[in-house]
């Protein structure tokens, strides 16, 4: 075997590895419907207060109980530690990237500060402006859903960027 053949085989093997890495990266991505489900779940749970007279503590405890049951049942039947990985069909590497955590924590903290400062008054003002004054919790749920989904998407995006940077 001469040098040209070896170089051709090496280039072919490298191309195959890169194709495999790209397929694995695509398979590990969270599907679009997971973002939709996250948004609908957050908005729906908050909007329930407009239609059912429950106090915040009752709703919060019901949501925590429901999510706990979903995770326990999913974990029991699938024998995996992460239900989202099972949905995607891939067991993702669990890596901690400090700067990604820092960015998400700062953005989430800024959102928390805004929430503490303006509270539900902002949601009430928006509800009144769009003609939904009778449904302030629904507007609050949509805002919380958008913020929570955006924060999750930001974390996933930054992790993907960090992994691409480390793969190069």
N, C-alpha and C. Protein backbone atom coordinates (compact mmCIF):
# COMPACT_ATOMS: atom_id res chain seq x y z
N UNK A 1 0.84 -1.16 0.00
CA UNK A 1 0.00 0.00 0.00
C UNK A 1 0.90 1.24 0.00
N UNK A 2 0.61 2.15 -0.90
CA UNK A 2 1.47 3.33 -0.96
C UNK A 2 0.88 4.48 -0.14
N UNK A 3 1.59 5.56 -0.08
CA UNK A 3 1.22 6.71 0.75
C UNK A 3 -0.09 7.34 0.29
N UNK A 4 -0.31 7.39 -1.01
CA UNK A 4 -1.54 8.00 -1.53
C UNK A 4 -2.77 7.19 -1.11
N UNK A 5 -2.64 5.87 -1.16
CA UNK A 5 -3.76 5.01 -0.74
C UNK A 5 -4.04 5.18 0.75
N UNK A 6 -2.98 5.26 1.55
CA UNK A 6 -3.16 5.45 2.98
C UNK A 6 -3.80 6.79 3.29
N UNK A 7 -3.40 7.82 2.58
CA UNK A 7 -3.99 9.15 2.78
C UNK A 7 -5.46 9.16 2.36
N UNK A 8 -5.76 8.47 1.28
CA UNK A 8 -7.15 8.40 0.83
C UNK A 8 -8.01 7.66 1.85
N UNK A 9 -7.49 6.55 2.38
CA UNK A 9 -8.23 5.81 3.40
C UNK A 9 -8.40 6.63 4.67
N UNK A 10 -7.37 7.37 5.05
CA UNK A 10 -7.45 8.21 6.25
C UNK A 10 -8.48 9.32 6.05
N UNK A 11 -8.49 9.92 4.87
CA UNK A 11 -9.46 10.98 4.58
C UNK A 11 -10.88 10.43 4.57
N UNK A 12 -11.04 9.24 4.02
CA UNK A 12 -12.36 8.60 3.99
C UNK A 12 -12.83 8.25 5.40
N UNK A 13 -11.93 7.76 6.23
CA UNK A 13 -12.27 7.42 7.60
C UNK A 13 -12.63 8.68 8.40
N UNK A 14 -11.88 9.76 8.17
CA UNK A 14 -12.17 11.02 8.86
C UNK A 14 -13.53 11.57 8.44
N UNK A 15 -13.86 11.46 7.17
CA UNK A 15 -15.16 11.92 6.68
C UNK A 15 -16.29 11.08 7.29
N UNK A 16 -16.06 9.79 7.43
CA UNK A 16 -17.07 8.92 8.03
C UNK A 16 -17.29 9.28 9.50
N UNK A 17 -16.20 9.56 10.22
CA UNK A 17 -16.31 9.95 11.62
C UNK A 17 -17.08 11.26 11.76
N UNK A 18 -16.78 12.22 10.89
CA UNK A 18 -17.48 13.51 10.94
C UNK A 18 -18.96 13.36 10.61
N UNK A 19 -19.29 12.49 9.64
CA UNK A 19 -20.71 12.24 9.33
C UNK A 19 -21.42 11.63 10.53
N UNK A 20 -20.74 10.68 11.17
CA UNK A 20 -21.32 10.04 12.36
C UNK A 20 -21.51 11.06 13.48
N UNK A 21 -20.54 11.93 13.71
CA UNK A 21 -20.66 12.96 14.74
C UNK A 21 -21.83 13.89 14.45
N UNK A 22 -22.00 14.27 13.21
CA UNK A 22 -23.10 15.17 12.84
C UNK A 22 -24.45 14.49 13.03
N UNK A 23 -24.55 13.22 12.65
CA UNK A 23 -25.82 12.48 12.86
C UNK A 23 -26.12 12.36 14.35
N UNK A 24 -25.10 12.09 15.16
CA UNK A 24 -25.31 11.99 16.61
C UNK A 24 -25.72 13.33 17.20
N UNK A 25 -25.11 14.41 16.72
CA UNK A 25 -25.46 15.75 17.20
C UNK A 25 -26.91 16.07 16.85
N UNK A 26 -27.34 15.73 15.65
CA UNK A 26 -28.71 16.00 15.24
C UNK A 26 -29.69 15.13 16.02
N UNK A 27 -29.33 13.89 16.29
CA UNK A 27 -30.22 13.00 17.04
C UNK A 27 -30.37 13.46 18.48
N UNK A 28 -29.36 14.11 19.03
CA UNK A 28 -29.41 14.55 20.42
C UNK A 28 -30.14 15.88 20.61
N UNK A 29 -30.52 16.54 19.53
CA UNK A 29 -31.22 17.81 19.65
C UNK A 29 -32.63 17.59 20.18
N UNK A 30 -33.08 18.55 20.96
CA UNK A 30 -34.44 18.50 21.49
C UNK A 30 -35.40 18.81 20.34
N UNK A 31 -36.43 17.99 20.13
CA UNK A 31 -37.36 18.24 19.03
C UNK A 31 -38.18 19.51 19.27
N UNK A 32 -38.68 20.09 18.20
CA UNK A 32 -39.43 21.35 18.28
C UNK A 32 -40.67 21.21 19.16
N UNK A 33 -41.28 20.04 19.14
CA UNK A 33 -42.51 19.88 19.89
C UNK A 33 -42.27 19.86 21.40
N UNK A 34 -41.03 19.58 21.83
CA UNK A 34 -40.72 19.63 23.26
C UNK A 34 -40.79 21.07 23.76
N UNK A 35 -40.35 22.02 22.93
CA UNK A 35 -40.45 23.43 23.29
C UNK A 35 -41.93 23.86 23.34
N UNK A 36 -42.71 23.41 22.39
CA UNK A 36 -44.14 23.73 22.37
C UNK A 36 -44.82 23.15 23.61
N UNK A 37 -44.51 21.91 23.93
CA UNK A 37 -45.12 21.27 25.10
C UNK A 37 -44.72 22.00 26.38
N UNK A 38 -43.47 22.42 26.48
CA UNK A 38 -43.00 23.16 27.65
C UNK A 38 -43.78 24.47 27.80
N UNK A 39 -43.92 25.20 26.70
CA UNK A 39 -44.64 26.46 26.72
C UNK A 39 -46.11 26.25 27.12
N UNK A 40 -46.75 25.27 26.49
CA UNK A 40 -48.17 25.02 26.77
C UNK A 40 -48.37 24.58 28.21
N UNK A 41 -47.48 23.74 28.73
CA UNK A 41 -47.59 23.28 30.11
C UNK A 41 -47.47 24.45 31.08
N UNK A 42 -46.47 25.30 30.89
CA UNK A 42 -46.28 26.43 31.79
C UNK A 42 -47.46 27.41 31.69
N UNK A 43 -47.84 27.75 30.46
CA UNK A 43 -48.95 28.70 30.28
C UNK A 43 -50.26 28.10 30.78
N UNK A 44 -50.48 26.83 30.52
CA UNK A 44 -51.73 26.19 30.92
C UNK A 44 -51.88 26.09 32.42
N UNK A 45 -50.81 25.76 33.11
CA UNK A 45 -50.87 25.63 34.56
C UNK A 45 -51.19 26.97 35.19
N UNK A 46 -50.60 28.03 34.68
CA UNK A 46 -50.86 29.35 35.23
C UNK A 46 -52.26 29.83 34.86
N UNK A 47 -52.71 29.52 33.66
CA UNK A 47 -54.03 29.97 33.20
C UNK A 47 -55.17 29.27 33.94
N UNK A 48 -54.90 28.15 34.55
CA UNK A 48 -55.95 27.42 35.28
C UNK A 48 -56.60 28.31 36.33
N UNK A 49 -55.82 29.20 36.94
CA UNK A 49 -56.37 30.07 37.98
C UNK A 49 -57.45 31.01 37.47
N UNK A 50 -57.51 31.27 36.17
CA UNK A 50 -58.57 32.11 35.62
C UNK A 50 -59.89 31.35 35.53
N UNK A 51 -59.82 30.04 35.50
CA UNK A 51 -61.01 29.24 35.26
C UNK A 51 -61.44 28.39 36.46
N UNK A 52 -60.50 28.07 37.33
CA UNK A 52 -60.78 27.27 38.52
C UNK A 52 -60.27 28.06 39.71
N UNK A 53 -61.08 28.15 40.74
CA UNK A 53 -60.70 28.94 41.90
C UNK A 53 -59.78 28.13 42.81
N UNK A 54 -58.50 28.21 42.51
CA UNK A 54 -57.50 27.54 43.33
C UNK A 54 -56.51 28.59 43.83
N UNK A 55 -56.01 28.40 44.99
CA UNK A 55 -54.97 29.30 45.47
C UNK A 55 -53.65 28.89 44.84
N UNK A 56 -52.69 29.79 44.86
CA UNK A 56 -51.39 29.51 44.26
C UNK A 56 -50.71 28.30 44.85
N UNK A 57 -50.86 28.11 46.16
CA UNK A 57 -50.22 26.96 46.81
C UNK A 57 -50.81 25.65 46.32
N UNK A 58 -52.13 25.61 46.12
CA UNK A 58 -52.76 24.38 45.64
C UNK A 58 -52.32 24.07 44.22
N UNK A 59 -52.27 25.10 43.38
CA UNK A 59 -51.85 24.88 42.00
C UNK A 59 -50.40 24.42 41.95
N UNK A 60 -49.56 25.09 42.71
CA UNK A 60 -48.15 24.73 42.72
C UNK A 60 -47.95 23.30 43.20
N UNK A 61 -48.64 22.92 44.26
CA UNK A 61 -48.48 21.56 44.76
C UNK A 61 -49.03 20.54 43.76
N UNK A 62 -50.12 20.87 43.07
CA UNK A 62 -50.66 19.96 42.06
C UNK A 62 -49.70 19.79 40.89
N UNK A 63 -49.08 20.87 40.46
CA UNK A 63 -48.12 20.81 39.35
C UNK A 63 -46.89 19.98 39.75
N UNK A 64 -46.36 20.24 40.93
CA UNK A 64 -45.19 19.48 41.39
C UNK A 64 -45.53 18.00 41.50
N UNK A 65 -46.68 17.69 42.05
CA UNK A 65 -47.10 16.30 42.17
C UNK A 65 -47.25 15.65 40.80
N UNK A 66 -47.89 16.34 39.87
CA UNK A 66 -48.08 15.80 38.52
C UNK A 66 -46.74 15.54 37.83
N UNK A 67 -45.82 16.52 37.89
CA UNK A 67 -44.52 16.34 37.25
C UNK A 67 -43.72 15.23 37.92
N UNK A 68 -43.81 15.13 39.23
CA UNK A 68 -43.12 14.05 39.94
C UNK A 68 -43.64 12.69 39.51
N UNK A 69 -44.95 12.56 39.37
CA UNK A 69 -45.55 11.30 38.92
C UNK A 69 -45.10 10.97 37.51
N UNK A 70 -45.09 11.97 36.63
CA UNK A 70 -44.66 11.73 35.25
C UNK A 70 -43.21 11.25 35.21
N UNK A 71 -42.33 11.90 35.96
CA UNK A 71 -40.92 11.51 35.96
C UNK A 71 -40.73 10.13 36.57
N UNK A 72 -41.39 9.84 37.67
CA UNK A 72 -41.25 8.53 38.32
C UNK A 72 -41.76 7.41 37.41
N UNK A 73 -42.94 7.61 36.83
CA UNK A 73 -43.50 6.58 35.96
C UNK A 73 -42.62 6.39 34.73
N UNK A 74 -42.18 7.48 34.13
CA UNK A 74 -41.32 7.38 32.95
C UNK A 74 -40.01 6.69 33.29
N UNK A 75 -39.42 7.06 34.40
CA UNK A 75 -38.16 6.45 34.82
C UNK A 75 -38.34 4.96 35.12
N UNK A 76 -39.44 4.61 35.76
CA UNK A 76 -39.69 3.22 36.11
C UNK A 76 -39.86 2.36 34.86
N UNK A 77 -40.66 2.84 33.90
CA UNK A 77 -40.94 2.02 32.72
C UNK A 77 -39.83 2.02 31.69
N UNK A 78 -39.06 3.09 31.61
CA UNK A 78 -38.00 3.16 30.59
C UNK A 78 -36.63 2.80 31.12
N UNK A 79 -36.50 2.73 32.44
CA UNK A 79 -35.21 2.39 33.07
C UNK A 79 -34.10 3.36 32.66
N UNK A 80 -34.46 4.62 32.44
CA UNK A 80 -33.46 5.63 32.13
C UNK A 80 -33.59 6.76 33.15
N UNK A 81 -32.51 7.47 33.36
CA UNK A 81 -32.52 8.51 34.37
C UNK A 81 -33.07 9.83 33.84
N UNK A 82 -33.15 9.96 32.55
CA UNK A 82 -33.64 11.22 31.98
C UNK A 82 -34.73 10.94 30.96
N UNK A 83 -35.97 11.26 31.28
CA UNK A 83 -37.07 11.00 30.35
C UNK A 83 -36.89 11.71 29.00
N UNK A 84 -36.32 12.94 29.02
CA UNK A 84 -36.13 13.67 27.77
C UNK A 84 -35.17 12.92 26.84
N UNK A 85 -34.15 12.30 27.38
CA UNK A 85 -33.23 11.52 26.56
C UNK A 85 -33.94 10.33 25.95
N UNK A 86 -34.83 9.73 26.70
CA UNK A 86 -35.59 8.59 26.17
C UNK A 86 -36.51 9.04 25.04
N UNK A 87 -37.12 10.20 25.19
CA UNK A 87 -37.99 10.73 24.13
C UNK A 87 -37.17 10.95 22.86
N UNK A 88 -35.98 11.51 23.01
CA UNK A 88 -35.12 11.77 21.85
C UNK A 88 -34.53 10.49 21.30
N UNK A 89 -34.47 9.45 22.11
CA UNK A 89 -33.89 8.19 21.67
C UNK A 89 -32.38 8.17 21.79
N UNK A 90 -31.82 9.12 22.51
CA UNK A 90 -30.37 9.22 22.65
C UNK A 90 -30.06 9.52 24.11
N UNK A 91 -29.05 8.93 24.62
CA UNK A 91 -28.60 9.26 25.97
C UNK A 91 -27.48 10.29 25.81
N UNK A 92 -27.80 11.53 26.09
CA UNK A 92 -26.85 12.62 25.88
C UNK A 92 -25.76 12.58 26.95
N UNK A 93 -24.58 13.08 26.56
CA UNK A 93 -23.51 13.23 27.53
C UNK A 93 -23.91 14.32 28.52
N UNK A 94 -23.73 14.04 29.77
CA UNK A 94 -24.05 15.03 30.79
C UNK A 94 -22.76 15.79 31.10
N UNK A 95 -22.62 16.94 30.50
CA UNK A 95 -21.42 17.73 30.73
C UNK A 95 -21.82 19.06 31.36
N UNK A 96 -20.98 19.53 32.25
CA UNK A 96 -21.21 20.80 32.92
C UNK A 96 -20.23 21.80 32.33
N UNK A 97 -20.78 22.85 31.74
CA UNK A 97 -19.96 23.91 31.17
C UNK A 97 -20.19 25.15 32.02
N UNK A 98 -19.20 25.54 32.80
CA UNK A 98 -19.40 26.63 33.76
C UNK A 98 -19.88 27.94 33.14
N UNK A 99 -19.32 28.33 32.00
CA UNK A 99 -19.73 29.62 31.44
C UNK A 99 -21.18 29.58 30.93
N UNK A 100 -21.63 28.43 30.46
CA UNK A 100 -23.03 28.30 30.02
C UNK A 100 -23.94 28.43 31.25
N UNK A 101 -23.58 27.73 32.31
CA UNK A 101 -24.36 27.83 33.54
C UNK A 101 -24.40 29.27 34.03
N UNK A 102 -23.26 29.95 33.96
CA UNK A 102 -23.19 31.35 34.40
C UNK A 102 -24.10 32.26 33.59
N UNK A 103 -24.07 32.11 32.27
CA UNK A 103 -24.92 32.96 31.42
C UNK A 103 -26.39 32.70 31.70
N UNK A 104 -26.77 31.44 31.77
CA UNK A 104 -28.18 31.11 32.04
C UNK A 104 -28.58 31.58 33.43
N UNK A 105 -27.70 31.46 34.41
CA UNK A 105 -28.01 31.92 35.76
C UNK A 105 -28.17 33.44 35.80
N UNK A 106 -27.32 34.17 35.08
CA UNK A 106 -27.42 35.62 35.06
C UNK A 106 -28.72 36.06 34.37
N UNK A 107 -29.04 35.44 33.23
CA UNK A 107 -30.27 35.79 32.53
C UNK A 107 -31.49 35.42 33.38
N UNK A 108 -31.48 34.24 33.97
CA UNK A 108 -32.58 33.84 34.85
C UNK A 108 -32.68 34.75 36.07
N UNK A 109 -31.55 35.14 36.63
CA UNK A 109 -31.54 36.07 37.77
C UNK A 109 -32.09 37.43 37.39
N UNK A 110 -31.73 37.90 36.20
CA UNK A 110 -32.28 39.18 35.72
C UNK A 110 -33.80 39.08 35.58
N UNK A 111 -34.27 37.96 35.07
CA UNK A 111 -35.72 37.75 34.99
C UNK A 111 -36.36 37.73 36.36
N UNK A 112 -35.71 37.10 37.32
CA UNK A 112 -36.22 37.08 38.69
C UNK A 112 -36.28 38.47 39.31
N UNK A 113 -35.26 39.29 39.04
CA UNK A 113 -35.25 40.66 39.54
C UNK A 113 -36.40 41.46 38.92
N UNK A 114 -36.59 41.30 37.62
CA UNK A 114 -37.71 41.99 36.96
C UNK A 114 -39.04 41.54 37.52
N UNK A 115 -39.17 40.25 37.76
CA UNK A 115 -40.41 39.71 38.33
C UNK A 115 -40.65 40.27 39.73
N UNK A 116 -39.59 40.34 40.54
CA UNK A 116 -39.73 40.87 41.90
C UNK A 116 -40.07 42.36 41.87
N UNK A 117 -39.51 43.07 40.91
CA UNK A 117 -39.74 44.52 40.84
C UNK A 117 -41.13 44.87 40.31
N UNK A 118 -41.53 44.21 39.21
CA UNK A 118 -42.78 44.59 38.56
C UNK A 118 -43.93 43.64 38.90
N UNK A 119 -43.61 42.44 39.33
CA UNK A 119 -44.62 41.48 39.75
C UNK A 119 -45.70 41.23 38.71
N UNK A 120 -46.89 40.95 39.20
CA UNK A 120 -47.99 40.67 38.28
C UNK A 120 -48.64 41.93 37.75
N UNK A 121 -48.23 43.08 38.26
CA UNK A 121 -48.78 44.34 37.76
C UNK A 121 -48.52 44.51 36.27
N UNK A 122 -47.35 44.12 35.82
CA UNK A 122 -47.03 44.21 34.40
C UNK A 122 -47.95 43.29 33.59
N UNK A 123 -48.17 42.09 34.07
CA UNK A 123 -49.06 41.16 33.38
C UNK A 123 -50.49 41.71 33.35
N UNK A 124 -50.92 42.34 34.45
CA UNK A 124 -52.25 42.94 34.47
C UNK A 124 -52.36 44.07 33.46
N UNK A 125 -51.31 44.89 33.36
CA UNK A 125 -51.31 45.99 32.38
C UNK A 125 -51.36 45.44 30.95
N UNK A 126 -50.59 44.40 30.69
CA UNK A 126 -50.59 43.79 29.35
C UNK A 126 -51.95 43.16 29.05
N UNK A 127 -52.53 42.49 30.05
CA UNK A 127 -53.85 41.88 29.87
C UNK A 127 -54.88 42.95 29.53
N UNK A 128 -54.81 44.08 30.20
CA UNK A 128 -55.74 45.17 29.90
C UNK A 128 -55.51 45.75 28.53
N UNK A 129 -54.24 45.85 28.13
CA UNK A 129 -53.92 46.44 26.83
C UNK A 129 -54.38 45.56 25.67
N UNK A 130 -54.36 44.26 25.85
CA UNK A 130 -54.78 43.37 24.75
C UNK A 130 -56.24 42.94 24.87
N UNK A 131 -56.94 43.49 25.85
CA UNK A 131 -58.37 43.20 25.99
C UNK A 131 -58.68 41.93 26.74
N UNK A 132 -57.77 41.47 27.58
CA UNK A 132 -58.00 40.26 28.36
C UNK A 132 -57.96 40.55 29.85
N UNK A 133 -58.56 41.69 30.25
CA UNK A 133 -58.51 42.10 31.65
C UNK A 133 -59.11 41.05 32.58
N UNK A 134 -60.06 40.26 32.11
CA UNK A 134 -60.67 39.23 32.95
C UNK A 134 -59.80 37.97 33.07
N UNK A 135 -58.73 37.90 32.31
CA UNK A 135 -57.87 36.71 32.30
C UNK A 135 -56.40 37.07 32.57
N UNK A 136 -56.11 37.70 33.70
CA UNK A 136 -54.72 38.11 33.95
C UNK A 136 -53.78 36.93 34.15
N UNK A 137 -54.28 35.84 34.72
CA UNK A 137 -53.41 34.68 34.94
C UNK A 137 -53.03 34.00 33.63
N UNK A 138 -53.91 34.06 32.65
CA UNK A 138 -53.59 33.49 31.34
C UNK A 138 -52.46 34.28 30.69
N UNK A 139 -52.54 35.61 30.79
CA UNK A 139 -51.46 36.44 30.24
C UNK A 139 -50.17 36.20 31.00
N UNK A 140 -50.27 36.09 32.32
CA UNK A 140 -49.08 35.78 33.12
C UNK A 140 -48.49 34.44 32.71
N UNK A 141 -49.34 33.45 32.48
CA UNK A 141 -48.87 32.13 32.06
C UNK A 141 -48.17 32.18 30.72
N UNK A 142 -48.72 32.95 29.78
CA UNK A 142 -48.08 33.07 28.47
C UNK A 142 -46.71 33.73 28.62
N UNK A 143 -46.63 34.77 29.45
CA UNK A 143 -45.33 35.43 29.67
C UNK A 143 -44.34 34.50 30.35
N UNK A 144 -44.79 33.78 31.39
CA UNK A 144 -43.91 32.82 32.07
C UNK A 144 -43.51 31.69 31.12
N UNK A 145 -44.46 31.21 30.33
CA UNK A 145 -44.15 30.15 29.37
C UNK A 145 -43.11 30.58 28.35
N UNK A 146 -43.28 31.80 27.84
CA UNK A 146 -42.31 32.32 26.87
C UNK A 146 -40.93 32.49 27.52
N UNK A 147 -40.91 33.02 28.74
CA UNK A 147 -39.63 33.23 29.42
C UNK A 147 -38.96 31.90 29.77
N UNK A 148 -39.72 30.95 30.29
CA UNK A 148 -39.14 29.65 30.65
C UNK A 148 -38.64 28.89 29.45
N UNK A 149 -39.42 28.90 28.37
CA UNK A 149 -39.02 28.21 27.15
C UNK A 149 -37.79 28.88 26.55
N UNK A 150 -37.76 30.21 26.55
CA UNK A 150 -36.60 30.93 26.02
C UNK A 150 -35.35 30.65 26.84
N UNK A 151 -35.48 30.57 28.16
CA UNK A 151 -34.33 30.27 29.02
C UNK A 151 -33.81 28.86 28.76
N UNK A 152 -34.70 27.89 28.61
CA UNK A 152 -34.30 26.53 28.29
C UNK A 152 -33.61 26.48 26.93
N UNK A 153 -34.20 27.17 25.93
CA UNK A 153 -33.61 27.19 24.59
C UNK A 153 -32.25 27.86 24.60
N UNK A 154 -32.10 28.92 25.40
CA UNK A 154 -30.80 29.59 25.51
C UNK A 154 -29.75 28.63 26.06
N UNK A 155 -30.11 27.89 27.10
CA UNK A 155 -29.17 26.92 27.66
C UNK A 155 -28.78 25.85 26.66
N UNK A 156 -29.75 25.32 25.92
CA UNK A 156 -29.47 24.30 24.90
C UNK A 156 -28.58 24.88 23.79
N UNK A 157 -28.88 26.10 23.36
CA UNK A 157 -28.09 26.74 22.30
C UNK A 157 -26.65 26.96 22.74
N UNK A 158 -26.48 27.47 23.94
CA UNK A 158 -25.12 27.71 24.43
C UNK A 158 -24.35 26.41 24.63
N UNK A 159 -25.04 25.36 25.08
CA UNK A 159 -24.36 24.05 25.19
C UNK A 159 -23.94 23.53 23.81
N UNK A 160 -24.80 23.70 22.82
CA UNK A 160 -24.46 23.26 21.46
C UNK A 160 -23.26 24.05 20.94
N UNK A 161 -23.24 25.35 21.20
CA UNK A 161 -22.11 26.17 20.77
C UNK A 161 -20.83 25.74 21.45
N UNK A 162 -20.90 25.45 22.76
CA UNK A 162 -19.70 25.03 23.49
C UNK A 162 -19.20 23.68 23.01
N UNK A 163 -20.13 22.77 22.65
CA UNK A 163 -19.71 21.46 22.15
C UNK A 163 -19.09 21.56 20.77
N UNK A 164 -19.63 22.43 19.93
CA UNK A 164 -19.02 22.62 18.61
C UNK A 164 -17.64 23.18 18.73
N UNK A 165 -17.46 24.11 19.69
CA UNK A 165 -16.14 24.71 19.90
C UNK A 165 -15.13 23.70 20.42
N UNK A 166 -15.57 22.76 21.25
CA UNK A 166 -14.65 21.76 21.78
C UNK A 166 -14.38 20.64 20.80
N UNK A 167 -15.30 20.42 19.85
CA UNK A 167 -15.09 19.37 18.84
C UNK A 167 -14.09 19.78 17.78
N UNK A 168 -13.93 21.08 17.59
CA UNK A 168 -13.04 21.55 16.52
C UNK A 168 -11.60 21.38 16.85
